[in-house]
Amino acid sequence: MPTAAASVTAFVVSPPAGTLAGAFSARHASAGRSPPTPAAALLVSLGRWSSPLGCHHLPASPATLSPVSMAGDAPPTPVVTVGADGAAVGDTLGARVLAAAAAAVSARGVFRLAVSGGSLPKTLAAGLDGDKGDDMPWSSTIIYFADERVVPLTDDDSNYKLVADTLLAARDGSGVQVVKLTEGLAPPAAAADYEEKLKGMDMADGVPVFDMILLGMGPDGHTASLFPGHPLLDVTDMAVASITDSPKPPPGRITLTLPVLNAGRNVLFVTTGGGKAEVLHEIFHGSKDVLLPAARVRPETGVEWLLDAPAAAQLSSPFVAA
């Protein structure tokens, strides 16, 4: 197998039935999603899970990549992009955000971005540092939160504070808007209030449509504040839901629901560190009947996973660049 031309490798995974399934499709373009632009020239696809590994060497240019087609209308197969380290992941993430922002502003005049907490805002801040950050259309950008802790905005547990201290630390006067949690409300009221703030967005079948949603994933497979086995996973009649018994502190949170996560034009997971390797193996190679929350994010426009090498360590060896 040839050596990748850069520190980032992209591949498509077709997992077994019952996990992430579908086809990498031209629906990326038809739904207004910017296709991935891997820096490496290697795209590896798996066919039927029971068949031997098939390696397809394709040109790096996304314009020349042919869809991997499968029967039916299942969501597209996730695209996984592996960087050598966190810096490479940050650079790729920055490029993805810039491309999505440019497309959104050109098409609709505004870029609506939903972000999670954890290490993601810091990674994104690094990816948009310097010239790339200067190219970002901040004055046309509105930042929302995929989930938020119901705490004061100055609390160290606040995702707003995390974003303000990292991504927006040097953006005073940029004109960027941030849709914050209203302080002083109980979680159910805070969720209802935040859903009101989503009015005026594009809707698809009554569901708000974000131009881009950036998600992380915990070692248990949770994403946003959607935890394994929790009733919130089955909520379909609200865009924003509340949780008062979060397995992780603080217990009170609000979160975008799965219908909203699955309606995004561009949906990316950013997952780094060896502590995530086992759950990633479960998601991509496991055969669980009950999907982990992160595995239930299956938008029709496709989803991309940005991983570093330690996070990808338990994926099949041809996938990780040396």
C-alpha atoms as a PDB file:
ATOM      1  CA  MET A   1       0.000   0.000   0.000  1.00  0.00           C
ATOM      2  CA  PRO A   2       1.487   3.378  -0.919  1.00  0.00           C
ATOM      3  CA  THR A   3       2.509   5.858   1.727  1.00  0.00           C
ATOM      4  CA  ALA A   4       0.102   8.757   2.226  1.00  0.00           C
ATOM      5  CA  ALA A   5       1.242  12.029   0.726  1.00  0.00           C
ATOM      6  CA  ALA A   6       0.568  14.038   3.873  1.00  0.00           C
ATOM      7  CA  SER A   7      -0.103  13.660   7.593  1.00  0.00           C
ATOM      8  CA  VAL A   8      -3.820  13.192   7.048  1.00  0.00           C
ATOM      9  CA  THR A   9      -5.458  10.052   5.714  1.00  0.00           C
ATOM     10  CA  ALA A  10      -9.096   9.817   4.666  1.00  0.00           C
ATOM     11  CA  PHE A  11     -11.081   6.635   4.259  1.00  0.00           C
ATOM     12  CA  VAL A  12     -14.659   5.460   4.069  1.00  0.00           C
ATOM     13  CA  VAL A  13     -15.889   2.751   6.378  1.00  0.00           C
ATOM     14  CA  SER A  14     -18.925   0.557   5.717  1.00  0.00           C
ATOM     15  CA  PRO A  15     -19.655  -0.983   9.141  1.00  0.00           C
ATOM     16  CA  PRO A  16     -21.765  -4.084   9.799  1.00  0.00           C
ATOM     17  CA  ALA A  17     -25.550  -3.988   9.798  1.00  0.00           C
ATOM     18  CA  GLY A  18     -26.822  -2.359  12.953  1.00  0.00           C
ATOM     19  CA  THR A  19     -23.990   0.135  13.226  1.00  0.00           C
ATOM     20  CA  LEU A  20     -23.178   3.117  11.007  1.00  0.00           C
ATOM     21  CA  ALA A  21     -24.373   2.032   7.566  1.00  0.00           C
ATOM     22  CA  GLY A  22     -25.079   3.571   4.204  1.00  0.00           C
ATOM     23  CA  ALA A  23     -23.247   4.995   1.212  1.00  0.00           C
ATOM     24  CA  PHE A  24     -20.933   7.926   0.591  1.00  0.00           C
ATOM     25  CA  SER A  25     -23.183   9.821  -1.751  1.00  0.00           C
ATOM     26  CA  ALA A  26     -23.579  12.778  -4.057  1.00  0.00           C
ATOM     27  CA  ARG A  27     -26.197  13.914  -1.552  1.00  0.00           C
ATOM     28  CA  HIS A  28     -23.286  15.880  -0.007  1.00  0.00           C
ATOM     29  CA  ALA A  29     -23.584  18.277  -2.931  1.00  0.00           C
ATOM     30  CA  SER A  30     -27.351  18.178  -3.360  1.00  0.00           C
ATOM     31  CA  ALA A  31     -27.859  19.098   0.295  1.00  0.00           C
ATOM     32  CA  GLY A  32     -25.404  21.974   0.172  1.00  0.00           C
ATOM     33  CA  ARG A  33     -22.657  20.128   2.075  1.00  0.00           C
ATOM     34  CA  SER A  34     -19.056  20.817   1.169  1.00  0.00           C
ATOM     35  CA  PRO A  35     -17.385  17.488   0.331  1.00  0.00           C
ATOM     36  CA  PRO A  36     -14.368  16.452   2.406  1.00  0.00           C
ATOM     37  CA  THR A  37     -11.004  17.525   1.039  1.00  0.00           C
ATOM     38  CA  PRO A  38      -8.476  15.009   2.360  1.00  0.00           C
ATOM     39  CA  ALA A  39      -4.840  16.014   2.157  1.00  0.00           C
ATOM     40  CA  ALA A  40      -3.754  12.458   1.481  1.00  0.00           C
ATOM     41  CA  ALA A  41      -4.189  10.612  -1.794  1.00  0.00           C
ATOM     42  CA  LEU A  42      -5.503   7.449  -0.165  1.00  0.00           C
ATOM     43  CA  LEU A  43      -9.177   6.655   0.234  1.00  0.00           C
ATOM     44  CA  VAL A  44      -9.921   3.196   1.534  1.00  0.00           C
ATOM     45  CA  SER A  45     -13.400   1.724   1.380  1.00  0.00           C
ATOM     46  CA  LEU A  46     -14.752  -1.449   2.867  1.00  0.00           C
ATOM     47  CA  GLY A  47     -17.443  -3.291   0.972  1.00  0.00           C
ATOM     48  CA  ARG A  48     -19.663  -5.853   2.646  1.00  0.00           C
ATOM     49  CA  TRP A  49     -18.402  -6.408   6.163  1.00  0.00           C
ATOM     50  CA  SER A  50     -18.079 -10.150   5.607  1.00  0.00           C
ATOM     51  CA  SER A  51     -15.921  -9.728   2.529  1.00  0.00           C
ATOM     52  CA  PRO A  52     -12.133  -9.205   2.521  1.00  0.00           C
ATOM     53  CA  LEU A  53     -10.743  -5.726   2.821  1.00  0.00           C
ATOM     54  CA  GLY A  54     -10.766  -3.907  -0.493  1.00  0.00           C
ATOM     55  CA  CYS A  55      -8.419  -1.007  -1.045  1.00  0.00           C
ATOM     56  CA  HIS A  56      -9.222   1.515  -3.752  1.00  0.00           C
ATOM     57  CA  HIS A  57      -6.552   4.070  -4.618  1.00  0.00           C
ATOM     58  CA  LEU A  58      -8.271   7.229  -5.759  1.00  0.00           C
ATOM     59  CA  PRO A  59      -7.044  10.724  -6.606  1.00  0.00           C
ATOM     60  CA  ALA A  60      -6.977  13.205  -3.739  1.00  0.00           C
ATOM     61  CA  SER A  61      -9.099  15.795  -5.527  1.00  0.00           C
ATOM     62  CA  PRO A  62     -12.662  15.586  -4.159  1.00  0.00           C
ATOM     63  CA  ALA A  63     -14.024  16.489  -7.574  1.00  0.00           C
ATOM     64  CA  THR A  64     -12.789  13.151  -8.908  1.00  0.00           C
ATOM     65  CA  LEU A  65     -13.952  10.902  -6.086  1.00  0.00           C
ATOM     66  CA  SER A  66     -16.702   8.525  -7.164  1.00  0.00           C
ATOM     67  CA  PRO A  67     -19.494   7.756  -4.690  1.00  0.00           C
ATOM     68  CA  VAL A  68     -19.372   4.372  -2.987  1.00  0.00           C
ATOM     69  CA  SER A  69     -22.877   3.206  -3.783  1.00  0.00           C
ATOM     70  CA  MET A  70     -25.002   0.730  -1.856  1.00  0.00           C
ATOM     71  CA  ALA A  71     -28.617  -0.228  -2.293  1.00  0.00           C
ATOM     72  CA  GLY A  72     -31.384   1.563  -0.459  1.00  0.00           C
ATOM     73  CA  ASP A  73     -31.707   4.992   1.103  1.00  0.00           C
ATOM     74  CA  ALA A  74     -29.516   4.469   4.165  1.00  0.00           C
ATOM     75  CA  PRO A  75     -27.449   7.485   5.265  1.00  0.00           C
ATOM     76  CA  PRO A  76     -24.058   7.872   3.592  1.00  0.00           C
ATOM     77  CA  THR A  77     -21.136   5.992   5.029  1.00  0.00           C
ATOM     78  CA  PRO A  78     -19.104   8.177   7.401  1.00  0.00           C
ATOM     79  CA  VAL A  79     -15.851   9.628   6.143  1.00  0.00           C
ATOM     80  CA  VAL A  80     -12.967   9.213   8.601  1.00  0.00           C
ATOM     81  CA  THR A  81      -9.950  11.499   8.369  1.00  0.00           C
ATOM     82  CA  VAL A  82      -6.927  10.657  10.512  1.00  0.00           C
ATOM     83  CA  GLY A  83      -4.270  13.214  11.357  1.00  0.00           C
ATOM     84  CA  ALA A  84      -0.909  12.341  12.827  1.00  0.00           C
ATOM     85  CA  ASP A  85      -1.597  14.470  15.889  1.00  0.00           C
ATOM     86  CA  GLY A  86      -3.902  17.094  17.336  1.00  0.00           C
ATOM     87  CA  ALA A  87      -2.273  19.874  15.338  1.00  0.00           C
ATOM     88  CA  ALA A  88      -3.034  18.098  12.062  1.00  0.00           C
ATOM     89  CA  VAL A  89      -6.622  17.539  13.198  1.00  0.00           C
ATOM     90  CA  GLY A  90      -6.931  21.224  14.062  1.00  0.00           C
ATOM     91  CA  ASP A  91      -5.620  22.296  10.674  1.00  0.00           C
ATOM     92  CA  THR A  92      -8.097  20.016   8.893  1.00  0.00           C
ATOM     93  CA  LEU A  93     -10.948  21.205  11.092  1.00  0.00           C
ATOM     94  CA  GLY A  94     -10.112  24.823  10.359  1.00  0.00           C
ATOM     95  CA  ALA A  95     -10.159  24.136   6.628  1.00  0.00           C
ATOM     96  CA  ARG A  96     -13.530  22.377   6.881  1.00  0.00           C
ATOM     97  CA  VAL A  97     -15.072  25.261   8.812  1.00  0.00           C
ATOM     98  CA  LEU A  98     -13.740  27.863   6.386  1.00  0.00           C
ATOM     99  CA  ALA A  99     -15.153  25.949   3.425  1.00  0.00           C
ATOM    100  CA  ALA A 100     -18.557  25.496   5.049  1.00  0.00           C
ATOM    101  CA  ALA A 101     -18.661  29.143   6.126  1.00  0.00           C
ATOM    102  CA  ALA A 102     -17.824  30.404   2.647  1.00  0.00           C
ATOM    103  CA  ALA A 103     -20.496  28.192   1.078  1.00  0.00           C
ATOM    104  CA  ALA A 104     -23.142  29.227   3.618  1.00  0.00           C
ATOM    105  CA  VAL A 105     -22.457  32.963   3.345  1.00  0.00           C
ATOM    106  CA  SER A 106     -22.457  32.755  -0.439  1.00  0.00           C
ATOM    107  CA  ALA A 107     -25.753  30.858  -0.504  1.00  0.00           C
ATOM    108  CA  ARG A 108     -27.654  32.370   2.424  1.00  0.00           C
ATOM    109  CA  GLY A 109     -25.691  35.355   3.720  1.00  0.00           C
ATOM    110  CA  VAL A 110     -25.094  33.806   7.147  1.00  0.00           C
ATOM    111  CA  PHE A 111     -23.139  30.924   8.663  1.00  0.00           C
ATOM    112  CA  ARG A 112     -24.897  29.163  11.536  1.00  0.00           C
ATOM    113  CA  LEU A 113     -22.425  27.043  13.476  1.00  0.00           C
ATOM    114  CA  ALA A 114     -23.252  24.787  16.448  1.00  0.00           C
ATOM    115  CA  VAL A 115     -20.350  23.681  18.635  1.00  0.00           C
ATOM    116  CA  SER A 116     -19.888  21.325  21.563  1.00  0.00           C
ATOM    117  CA  GLY A 117     -17.575  21.747  24.532  1.00  0.00           C
ATOM    118  CA  GLY A 118     -14.697  19.623  25.775  1.00  0.00           C
ATOM    119  CA  SER A 119     -11.471  19.969  23.825  1.00  0.00           C
ATOM    120  CA  LEU A 120     -13.237  20.898  20.576  1.00  0.00           C
ATOM    121  CA  PRO A 121     -13.263  24.728  20.961  1.00  0.00           C
ATOM    122  CA  LYS A 122      -9.530  24.740  21.696  1.00  0.00           C
ATOM    123  CA  THR A 123      -8.843  22.528  18.670  1.00  0.00           C
ATOM    124  CA  LEU A 124     -10.962  24.779  16.473  1.00  0.00           C
ATOM    125  CA  ALA A 125      -9.257  27.902  17.818  1.00  0.00           C
ATOM    126  CA  ALA A 126      -5.879  26.451  16.838  1.00  0.00           C
ATOM    127  CA  GLY A 127      -7.213  25.528  13.404  1.00  0.00           C
ATOM    128  CA  LEU A 128      -8.447  29.078  12.814  1.00  0.00           C
ATOM    129  CA  ASP A 129      -5.352  30.801  14.119  1.00  0.00           C
ATOM    130  CA  GLY A 130      -3.398  33.213  11.968  1.00  0.00           C
ATOM    131  CA  ASP A 131      -4.317  33.772   8.340  1.00  0.00           C
ATOM    132  CA  LYS A 132      -7.106  31.177   8.351  1.00  0.00           C
ATOM    133  CA  GLY A 133      -8.828  33.015  11.146  1.00  0.00           C
ATOM    134  CA  ASP A 134      -8.516  36.242   9.204  1.00  0.00           C
ATOM    135  CA  ASP A 135     -10.316  34.556   6.295  1.00  0.00           C
ATOM    136  CA  MET A 136     -13.257  33.519   8.466  1.00  0.00           C
ATOM    137  CA  PRO A 137     -16.431  35.584   7.814  1.00  0.00           C
ATOM    138  CA  TRP A 138     -16.899  36.351  11.498  1.00  0.00           C
ATOM    139  CA  SER A 139     -19.368  39.181  10.962  1.00  0.00           C
ATOM    140  CA  SER A 140     -21.686  36.769   9.139  1.00  0.00           C
ATOM    141  CA  THR A 141     -21.238  33.954  11.668  1.00  0.00           C
ATOM    142  CA  ILE A 142     -23.671  32.998  14.428  1.00  0.00           C
ATOM    143  CA  ILE A 143     -22.394  30.489  16.987  1.00  0.00           C
ATOM    144  CA  TYR A 144     -24.810  28.233  18.852  1.00  0.00           C
ATOM    145  CA  PHE A 145     -24.201  25.408  21.299  1.00  0.00           C
ATOM    146  CA  ALA A 146     -24.895  21.768  20.545  1.00  0.00           C
ATOM    147  CA  ASP A 147     -25.229  21.398  24.295  1.00  0.00           C
ATOM    148  CA  GLU A 148     -24.730  23.591  27.306  1.00  0.00           C
ATOM    149  CA  ARG A 149     -24.468  23.146  31.034  1.00  0.00           C
ATOM    150  CA  VAL A 150     -27.122  24.983  33.031  1.00  0.00           C
ATOM    151  CA  VAL A 151     -24.682  27.033  35.069  1.00  0.00           C
ATOM    152  CA  PRO A 152     -23.750  30.723  35.137  1.00  0.00           C
ATOM    153  CA  LEU A 153     -21.973  31.834  31.977  1.00  0.00           C
ATOM    154  CA  THR A 154     -18.894  32.679  34.054  1.00  0.00           C
ATOM    155  CA  ASP A 155     -18.712  29.157  35.516  1.00  0.00           C
ATOM    156  CA  ASP A 156     -15.799  26.987  34.420  1.00  0.00           C
ATOM    157  CA  ASP A 157     -18.331  24.302  33.402  1.00  0.00           C
ATOM    158  CA  SER A 158     -20.000  26.661  30.918  1.00  0.00           C
ATOM    159  CA  ASN A 159     -19.454  25.818  27.256  1.00  0.00           C
ATOM    160  CA  TYR A 160     -20.027  29.484  26.481  1.00  0.00           C
ATOM    161  CA  LYS A 161     -17.103  30.434  28.729  1.00  0.00           C
ATOM    162  CA  LEU A 162     -14.980  27.756  27.073  1.00  0.00           C
ATOM    163  CA  VAL A 163     -15.713  29.115  23.593  1.00  0.00           C
ATOM    164  CA  ALA A 164     -15.225  32.723  24.735  1.00  0.00           C
ATOM    165  CA  ASP A 165     -11.860  31.889  26.292  1.00  0.00           C
ATOM    166  CA  THR A 166     -10.550  29.948  23.282  1.00  0.00           C
ATOM    167  CA  LEU A 167     -12.155  30.422  19.888  1.00  0.00           C
ATOM    168  CA  LEU A 168     -13.285  34.006  20.502  1.00  0.00           C
ATOM    169  CA  ALA A 169     -10.478  35.182  22.785  1.00  0.00           C
ATOM    170  CA  ALA A 170      -8.984  37.455  20.119  1.00  0.00           C
ATOM    171  CA  ARG A 171     -12.171  38.213  18.182  1.00  0.00           C
ATOM    172  CA  ASP A 172     -13.377  41.381  19.873  1.00  0.00           C
ATOM    173  CA  GLY A 173     -14.878  43.649  17.262  1.00  0.00           C
ATOM    174  CA  SER A 174     -15.184  40.843  14.728  1.00  0.00           C
ATOM    175  CA  GLY A 175     -18.976  41.068  14.669  1.00  0.00           C
ATOM    176  CA  VAL A 176     -19.496  37.377  15.448  1.00  0.00           C
ATOM    177  CA  GLN A 177     -22.769  36.636  17.241  1.00  0.00           C
ATOM    178  CA  VAL A 178     -23.113  34.039  20.001  1.00  0.00           C
ATOM    179  CA  VAL A 179     -26.475  32.619  21.040  1.00  0.00           C
ATOM    180  CA  LYS A 180     -26.065  32.026  24.760  1.00  0.00           C
ATOM    181  CA  LEU A 181     -28.008  30.184  27.414  1.00  0.00           C
ATOM    182  CA  THR A 182     -30.315  32.425  29.418  1.00  0.00           C
ATOM    183  CA  GLU A 183     -29.057  32.338  32.998  1.00  0.00           C
ATOM    184  CA  GLY A 184     -31.266  31.692  36.011  1.00  0.00           C
ATOM    185  CA  LEU A 185     -33.667  29.201  34.430  1.00  0.00           C
ATOM    186  CA  ALA A 186     -34.227  25.593  35.433  1.00  0.00           C
ATOM    187  CA  PRO A 187     -33.114  23.081  32.766  1.00  0.00           C
ATOM    188  CA  PRO A 188     -36.588  22.502  31.204  1.00  0.00           C
ATOM    189  CA  ALA A 189     -37.228  26.242  30.956  1.00  0.00           C
ATOM    190  CA  ALA A 190     -33.694  26.860  29.681  1.00  0.00           C
ATOM    191  CA  ALA A 191     -34.225  24.292  26.906  1.00  0.00           C
ATOM    192  CA  ALA A 192     -37.554  25.820  25.872  1.00  0.00           C
ATOM    193  CA  ASP A 193     -35.997  29.286  25.912  1.00  0.00           C
ATOM    194  CA  TYR A 194     -33.054  28.158  23.772  1.00  0.00           C
ATOM    195  CA  GLU A 195     -35.378  26.526  21.272  1.00  0.00           C
ATOM    196  CA  GLU A 196     -37.169  29.868  20.909  1.00  0.00           C
ATOM    197  CA  LYS A 197     -33.812  31.369  19.964  1.00  0.00           C
ATOM    198  CA  LEU A 198     -33.613  28.990  16.999  1.00  0.00           C
ATOM    199  CA  LYS A 199     -36.689  30.504  15.382  1.00  0.00           C
ATOM    200  CA  GLY A 200     -35.863  32.235  12.134  1.00  0.00           C
ATOM    201  CA  MET A 201     -33.439  29.515  11.057  1.00  0.00           C
ATOM    202  CA  ASP A 202     -33.994  27.428   7.957  1.00  0.00           C
ATOM    203  CA  MET A 203     -36.276  24.510   8.745  1.00  0.00           C
ATOM    204  CA  ALA A 204     -36.646  21.038   7.251  1.00  0.00           C
ATOM    205  CA  ASP A 205     -39.893  19.338   8.274  1.00  0.00           C
ATOM    206  CA  GLY A 206     -40.038  21.612  11.303  1.00  0.00           C
ATOM    207  CA  VAL A 207     -36.442  20.879  12.364  1.00  0.00           C
ATOM    208  CA  PRO A 208     -33.856  23.713  12.522  1.00  0.00           C
ATOM    209  CA  VAL A 209     -31.039  23.294   9.997  1.00  0.00           C
ATOM    210  CA  PHE A 210     -27.530  24.380  10.971  1.00  0.00           C
ATOM    211  CA  ASP A 211     -24.914  25.034   8.323  1.00  0.00           C
ATOM    212  CA  MET A 212     -22.384  23.129  10.409  1.00  0.00           C
ATOM    213  CA  ILE A 213     -22.483  21.108  13.631  1.00  0.00           C
ATOM    214  CA  LEU A 214     -19.226  20.247  15.388  1.00  0.00           C
ATOM    215  CA  LEU A 215     -19.445  17.422  17.893  1.00  0.00           C
ATOM    216  CA  GLY A 216     -17.148  15.631  20.276  1.00  0.00           C
ATOM    217  CA  MET A 217     -17.557  12.178  21.758  1.00  0.00           C
ATOM    218  CA  GLY A 218     -16.936  10.841  25.254  1.00  0.00           C
ATOM    219  CA  PRO A 219     -15.315   7.505  26.096  1.00  0.00           C
ATOM    220  CA  ASP A 220     -18.821   6.123  26.706  1.00  0.00           C
ATOM    221  CA  GLY A 221     -19.965   7.102  23.201  1.00  0.00           C
ATOM    222  CA  HIS A 222     -22.053  10.078  24.282  1.00  0.00           C
ATOM    223  CA  THR A 223     -22.199  13.192  22.139  1.00  0.00           C
ATOM    224  CA  ALA A 224     -23.561  16.631  22.995  1.00  0.00           C
ATOM    225  CA  SER A 225     -25.504  15.763  26.175  1.00  0.00           C
ATOM    226  CA  LEU A 226     -27.038  12.610  24.715  1.00  0.00           C
ATOM    227  CA  PHE A 227     -25.915   9.691  26.869  1.00  0.00           C
ATOM    228  CA  PRO A 228     -26.154   5.924  26.311  1.00  0.00           C
ATOM    229  CA  GLY A 229     -29.500   4.482  27.286  1.00  0.00           C
ATOM    230  CA  HIS A 230     -31.008   7.852  28.179  1.00  0.00           C
ATOM    231  CA  PRO A 231     -34.618   8.650  27.177  1.00  0.00           C
ATOM    232  CA  LEU A 232     -33.426  11.833  25.428  1.00  0.00           C
ATOM    233  CA  LEU A 233     -32.203   9.643  22.592  1.00  0.00           C
ATOM    234  CA  ASP A 234     -35.822   9.009  21.644  1.00  0.00           C
ATOM    235  CA  VAL A 235     -36.996  12.637  21.746  1.00  0.00           C
ATOM    236  CA  THR A 236     -38.326  13.681  18.333  1.00  0.00           C
ATOM    237  CA  ASP A 237     -40.790  16.460  19.193  1.00  0.00           C
ATOM    238  CA  MET A 238     -38.293  19.035  20.484  1.00  0.00           C
ATOM    239  CA  ALA A 239     -35.266  20.688  18.956  1.00  0.00           C
ATOM    240  CA  VAL A 240     -33.707  21.365  22.354  1.00  0.00           C
ATOM    241  CA  ALA A 241     -34.233  19.098  25.340  1.00  0.00           C
ATOM    242  CA  SER A 242     -33.129  19.241  28.956  1.00  0.00           C
ATOM    243  CA  ILE A 243     -31.486  16.714  31.218  1.00  0.00           C
ATOM    244  CA  THR A 244     -31.370  16.892  35.010  1.00  0.00           C
ATOM    245  CA  ASP A 245     -29.662  13.555  35.680  1.00  0.00           C
ATOM    246  CA  SER A 246     -26.561  13.755  33.501  1.00  0.00           C
ATOM    247  CA  PRO A 247     -24.120  10.900  34.228  1.00  0.00           C
ATOM    248  CA  LYS A 248     -21.398  13.549  34.051  1.00  0.00           C
ATOM    249  CA  PRO A 249     -21.443  16.665  36.235  1.00  0.00           C
ATOM    250  CA  PRO A 250     -23.046  19.084  36.217  1.00  0.00           C
ATOM    251  CA  PRO A 251     -26.373  17.187  36.174  1.00  0.00           C
ATOM    252  CA  GLY A 252     -28.437  19.987  34.600  1.00  0.00           C
ATOM    253  CA  ARG A 253     -27.907  20.542  30.876  1.00  0.00           C
ATOM    254  CA  ILE A 254     -29.638  21.348  27.617  1.00  0.00           C
ATOM    255  CA  THR A 255     -28.874  19.668  24.308  1.00  0.00           C
ATOM    256  CA  LEU A 256     -29.829  19.630  20.673  1.00  0.00           C
ATOM    257  CA  THR A 257     -31.782  16.463  19.954  1.00  0.00           C
ATOM    258  CA  LEU A 258     -30.953  13.793  17.394  1.00  0.00           C
ATOM    259  CA  PRO A 259     -33.372  15.118  14.745  1.00  0.00           C
ATOM    260  CA  VAL A 260     -31.475  18.430  14.781  1.00  0.00           C
ATOM    261  CA  LEU A 261     -28.049  16.802  14.722  1.00  0.00           C
ATOM    262  CA  ASN A 262     -29.189  14.705  11.775  1.00  0.00           C
ATOM    263  CA  ALA A 263     -30.486  17.741   9.882  1.00  0.00           C
ATOM    264  CA  GLY A 264     -27.149  19.581   9.709  1.00  0.00           C
ATOM    265  CA  ARG A 265     -25.716  20.489   6.323  1.00  0.00           C
ATOM    266  CA  ASN A 266     -22.192  19.667   7.525  1.00  0.00           C
ATOM    267  CA  VAL A 267     -21.724  17.430  10.573  1.00  0.00           C
ATOM    268  CA  LEU A 268     -18.266  16.639  11.926  1.00  0.00           C
ATOM    269  CA  PHE A 269     -16.998  14.736  14.935  1.00  0.00           C
ATOM    270  CA  VAL A 270     -13.646  15.780  16.358  1.00  0.00           C
ATOM    271  CA  THR A 271     -12.187  12.994  18.483  1.00  0.00           C
ATOM    272  CA  THR A 272      -8.631  12.833  19.755  1.00  0.00           C
ATOM    273  CA  GLY A 273      -6.632  10.833  22.248  1.00  0.00           C
ATOM    274  CA  GLY A 274      -6.090   7.176  22.979  1.00  0.00           C
ATOM    275  CA  GLY A 275      -8.886   7.199  25.540  1.00  0.00           C
ATOM    276  CA  LYS A 276     -11.382   7.230  22.670  1.00  0.00           C
ATOM    277  CA  ALA A 277      -9.820   4.332  20.736  1.00  0.00           C
ATOM    278  CA  GLU A 278     -11.909   1.570  22.297  1.00  0.00           C
ATOM    279  CA  VAL A 279     -15.268   3.231  21.736  1.00  0.00           C
ATOM    280  CA  LEU A 280     -14.306   4.126  18.158  1.00  0.00           C
ATOM    281  CA  HIS A 281     -13.525   0.479  17.559  1.00  0.00           C
ATOM    282  CA  GLU A 282     -16.969  -0.380  18.948  1.00  0.00           C
ATOM    283  CA  ILE A 283     -18.668   2.135  16.671  1.00  0.00           C
ATOM    284  CA  PHE A 284     -16.893   1.167  13.459  1.00  0.00           C
ATOM    285  CA  HIS A 285     -16.205  -2.528  13.995  1.00  0.00           C
ATOM    286  CA  GLY A 286     -18.753  -3.600  16.602  1.00  0.00           C
ATOM    287  CA  SER A 287     -22.081  -5.316  16.057  1.00  0.00           C
ATOM    288  CA  LYS A 288     -24.175  -3.950  18.897  1.00  0.00           C
ATOM    289  CA  ASP A 289     -27.912  -4.000  18.362  1.00  0.00           C
ATOM    290  CA  VAL A 290     -28.304  -0.754  20.329  1.00  0.00           C
ATOM    291  CA  LEU A 291     -26.284   2.068  18.796  1.00  0.00           C
ATOM    292  CA  LEU A 292     -24.237   4.369  20.972  1.00  0.00           C
ATOM    293  CA  PRO A 293     -25.431   8.001  20.822  1.00  0.00           C
ATOM    294  CA  ALA A 294     -22.566   9.122  18.563  1.00  0.00           C
ATOM    295  CA  ALA A 295     -23.343   6.287  16.148  1.00  0.00           C
ATOM    296  CA  ARG A 296     -26.934   7.526  15.879  1.00  0.00           C
ATOM    297  CA  VAL A 297     -25.786  10.782  14.277  1.00  0.00           C
ATOM    298  CA  ARG A 298     -26.411   9.740  10.682  1.00  0.00           C
ATOM    299  CA  PRO A 299     -27.410  12.779   8.605  1.00  0.00           C
ATOM    300  CA  GLU A 300     -28.489  12.289   5.012  1.00  0.00           C
ATOM    301  CA  THR A 301     -25.756  14.750   4.043  1.00  0.00           C
ATOM    302  CA  GLY A 302     -23.122  12.474   5.562  1.00  0.00           C
ATOM    303  CA  VAL A 303     -20.842  12.793   8.567  1.00  0.00           C
ATOM    304  CA  GLU A 304     -17.083  13.124   8.867  1.00  0.00           C
ATOM    305  CA  TRP A 305     -14.943  11.961  11.785  1.00  0.00           C
ATOM    306  CA  LEU A 306     -11.676  13.826  12.347  1.00  0.00           C
ATOM    307  CA  LEU A 307      -9.355  11.660  14.458  1.00  0.00           C
ATOM    308  CA  ASP A 308      -5.756  11.755  15.555  1.00  0.00           C
ATOM    309  CA  ALA A 309      -3.591   8.649  15.333  1.00  0.00           C
ATOM    310  CA  PRO A 310      -4.018   7.614  19.016  1.00  0.00           C
ATOM    311  CA  ALA A 311      -7.813   7.762  18.705  1.00  0.00           C
ATOM    312  CA  ALA A 312      -7.682   5.679  15.532  1.00  0.00           C
ATOM    313  CA  ALA A 313      -5.280   3.125  17.011  1.00  0.00           C
ATOM    314  CA  GLN A 314      -7.833   0.322  17.268  1.00  0.00           C
ATOM    315  CA  LEU A 315      -9.232   0.772  13.775  1.00  0.00           C
ATOM    316  CA  SER A 316      -7.938  -1.649  11.175  1.00  0.00           C
ATOM    317  CA  SER A 317      -4.255  -0.999  10.526  1.00  0.00           C
ATOM    318  CA  PRO A 318      -4.469   0.066   6.838  1.00  0.00           C
ATOM    319  CA  PHE A 319      -6.440   3.122   7.927  1.00  0.00           C
ATOM    320  CA  VAL A 320      -3.755   4.947   9.884  1.00  0.00           C
ATOM    321  CA  ALA A 321      -0.941   6.799   8.163  1.00  0.00           C
ATOM    322  CA  ALA A 322       2.512   5.766   9.330  1.00  0.00           C
END
